Amino acid sequence: MYLWAAKSIASALLGTASAAYIKNTRLGHWAYTRFEAVANHIKDRWGIDMLDPAEAEWQTRYPKLIEKINQLEIRIKHLEGKDG
């Protein structure tokens, strides 16, 4: 049991470290840019947001909070319009 947990933690740390290293190389930059372009194309074409599923999840779980945030944003825009 403990060996499995230690292996999973070690592999997660190794994966994160290697991803951070590769991201700073030319090949990594090209790959990340390409992935982002494909994800944006999918989002524009089919409306599927692959890069930010957590935002959609909490918005569906807390609709009253989203409504209150939207009301406050409208109020802030209104107040900024009067002052500006």
C-alpha atoms as a PDB file:
ATOM      1  CA  MET A   1       0.000   0.000   0.000  1.00  0.00           C
ATOM      2  CA  TYR A   2       2.674   2.492   0.975  1.00  0.00           C
ATOM      3  CA  LEU A   3       4.851   1.533  -1.980  1.00  0.00           C
ATOM      4  CA  TRP A   4       1.999   2.318  -4.352  1.00  0.00           C
ATOM      5  CA  ALA A   5       1.428   5.717  -2.740  1.00  0.00           C
ATOM      6  CA  ALA A   6       5.141   6.548  -2.800  1.00  0.00           C
ATOM      7  CA  LYS A   7       5.406   5.533  -6.467  1.00  0.00           C
ATOM      8  CA  SER A   8       2.424   7.667  -7.428  1.00  0.00           C
ATOM      9  CA  ILE A   9       3.778  10.711  -5.587  1.00  0.00           C
ATOM     10  CA  ALA A  10       7.237  10.239  -7.106  1.00  0.00           C
ATOM     11  CA  SER A  11       5.835   9.862 -10.622  1.00  0.00           C
ATOM     12  CA  ALA A  12       3.672  12.973 -10.188  1.00  0.00           C
ATOM     13  CA  LEU A  13       6.671  15.004  -9.049  1.00  0.00           C
ATOM     14  CA  LEU A  14       8.828  13.656 -11.877  1.00  0.00           C
ATOM     15  CA  GLY A  15       6.114  14.392 -14.426  1.00  0.00           C
ATOM     16  CA  THR A  16       5.661  17.929 -13.164  1.00  0.00           C
ATOM     17  CA  ALA A  17       9.390  18.593 -13.160  1.00  0.00           C
ATOM     18  CA  SER A  18       9.861  17.227 -16.666  1.00  0.00           C
ATOM     19  CA  ALA A  19       6.871  19.195 -17.977  1.00  0.00           C
ATOM     20  CA  ALA A  20       8.266  22.391 -16.449  1.00  0.00           C
ATOM     21  CA  TYR A  21      11.668  21.712 -18.037  1.00  0.00           C
ATOM     22  CA  ILE A  22      10.267  20.827 -21.453  1.00  0.00           C
ATOM     23  CA  LYS A  23       8.008  23.891 -21.435  1.00  0.00           C
ATOM     24  CA  ASN A  24      11.085  26.139 -21.450  1.00  0.00           C
ATOM     25  CA  THR A  25      12.634  24.490 -24.531  1.00  0.00           C
ATOM     26  CA  ARG A  26      11.884  25.392 -28.145  1.00  0.00           C
ATOM     27  CA  LEU A  27      10.214  22.043 -28.782  1.00  0.00           C
ATOM     28  CA  GLY A  28       8.120  22.389 -25.635  1.00  0.00           C
ATOM     29  CA  HIS A  29       7.070  25.912 -26.543  1.00  0.00           C
ATOM     30  CA  TRP A  30       6.021  24.749 -30.008  1.00  0.00           C
ATOM     31  CA  ALA A  31       4.083  21.782 -28.548  1.00  0.00           C
ATOM     32  CA  TYR A  32       2.268  23.900 -25.967  1.00  0.00           C
ATOM     33  CA  THR A  33       1.417  26.531 -28.590  1.00  0.00           C
ATOM     34  CA  ARG A  34       0.131  23.845 -30.957  1.00  0.00           C
ATOM     35  CA  PHE A  35      -1.974  22.208 -28.230  1.00  0.00           C
ATOM     36  CA  GLU A  36      -3.453  25.572 -27.296  1.00  0.00           C
ATOM     37  CA  ALA A  37      -4.298  26.276 -30.947  1.00  0.00           C
ATOM     38  CA  VAL A  38      -6.044  22.906 -31.291  1.00  0.00           C
ATOM     39  CA  ALA A  39      -7.939  23.435 -28.025  1.00  0.00           C
ATOM     40  CA  ASN A  40      -9.069  26.898 -29.148  1.00  0.00           C
ATOM     41  CA  HIS A  41     -10.194  25.487 -32.501  1.00  0.00           C
ATOM     42  CA  ILE A  42     -12.253  22.822 -30.729  1.00  0.00           C
ATOM     43  CA  LYS A  43     -13.731  25.448 -28.417  1.00  0.00           C
ATOM     44  CA  ASP A  44     -14.677  27.720 -31.317  1.00  0.00           C
ATOM     45  CA  ARG A  45     -16.067  24.951 -33.493  1.00  0.00           C
ATOM     46  CA  TRP A  46     -17.943  22.769 -31.005  1.00  0.00           C
ATOM     47  CA  GLY A  47     -18.090  24.876 -27.849  1.00  0.00           C
ATOM     48  CA  ILE A  48     -16.010  22.433 -25.785  1.00  0.00           C
ATOM     49  CA  ASP A  49     -13.558  24.182 -23.469  1.00  0.00           C
ATOM     50  CA  MET A  50     -10.745  21.716 -22.785  1.00  0.00           C
ATOM     51  CA  LEU A  51      -8.435  24.162 -21.033  1.00  0.00           C
ATOM     52  CA  ASP A  52     -10.759  25.309 -18.247  1.00  0.00           C
ATOM     53  CA  PRO A  53     -13.254  22.632 -17.191  1.00  0.00           C
ATOM     54  CA  ALA A  54     -13.035  23.640 -13.521  1.00  0.00           C
ATOM     55  CA  GLU A  55     -14.572  27.049 -14.206  1.00  0.00           C
ATOM     56  CA  ALA A  56     -17.609  25.521 -15.874  1.00  0.00           C
ATOM     57  CA  GLU A  57     -17.940  22.971 -13.064  1.00  0.00           C
ATOM     58  CA  TRP A  58     -18.162  25.473 -10.217  1.00  0.00           C
ATOM     59  CA  GLN A  59     -20.463  27.707 -12.235  1.00  0.00           C
ATOM     60  CA  THR A  60     -22.956  24.877 -12.624  1.00  0.00           C
ATOM     61  CA  ARG A  61     -22.643  23.909  -8.961  1.00  0.00           C
ATOM     62  CA  TYR A  62     -23.227  27.444  -7.625  1.00  0.00           C
ATOM     63  CA  PRO A  63     -25.679  29.276  -9.911  1.00  0.00           C
ATOM     64  CA  LYS A  64     -26.752  31.767  -7.197  1.00  0.00           C
ATOM     65  CA  LEU A  65     -23.146  32.807  -6.702  1.00  0.00           C
ATOM     66  CA  ILE A  66     -22.761  33.391 -10.447  1.00  0.00           C
ATOM     67  CA  GLU A  67     -25.939  35.470 -10.451  1.00  0.00           C
ATOM     68  CA  LYS A  68     -24.630  37.607  -7.577  1.00  0.00           C
ATOM     69  CA  ILE A  69     -21.236  38.061  -9.277  1.00  0.00           C
ATOM     70  CA  ASN A  70     -22.957  39.162 -12.479  1.00  0.00           C
ATOM     71  CA  GLN A  71     -25.097  41.660 -10.555  1.00  0.00           C
ATOM     72  CA  LEU A  72     -22.013  43.095  -8.866  1.00  0.00           C
ATOM     73  CA  GLU A  73     -20.165  43.389 -12.180  1.00  0.00           C
ATOM     74  CA  ILE A  74     -23.100  45.266 -13.695  1.00  0.00           C
ATOM     75  CA  ARG A  75     -23.194  47.544 -10.655  1.00  0.00           C
ATOM     76  CA  ILE A  76     -19.448  48.216 -10.903  1.00  0.00           C
ATOM     77  CA  LYS A  77     -19.744  49.060 -14.609  1.00  0.00           C
ATOM     78  CA  HIS A  78     -22.629  51.393 -13.830  1.00  0.00           C
ATOM     79  CA  LEU A  79     -20.683  53.157 -11.066  1.00  0.00           C
ATOM     80  CA  GLU A  80     -17.577  53.462 -13.197  1.00  0.00           C
ATOM     81  CA  GLY A  81     -19.651  54.982 -15.959  1.00  0.00           C
ATOM     82  CA  LYS A  82     -20.922  57.730 -13.638  1.00  0.00           C
ATOM     83  CA  ASP A  83     -17.470  58.504 -12.228  1.00  0.00           C
ATOM     84  CA  GLY A  84     -15.619  58.305 -15.548  1.00  0.00           C
END
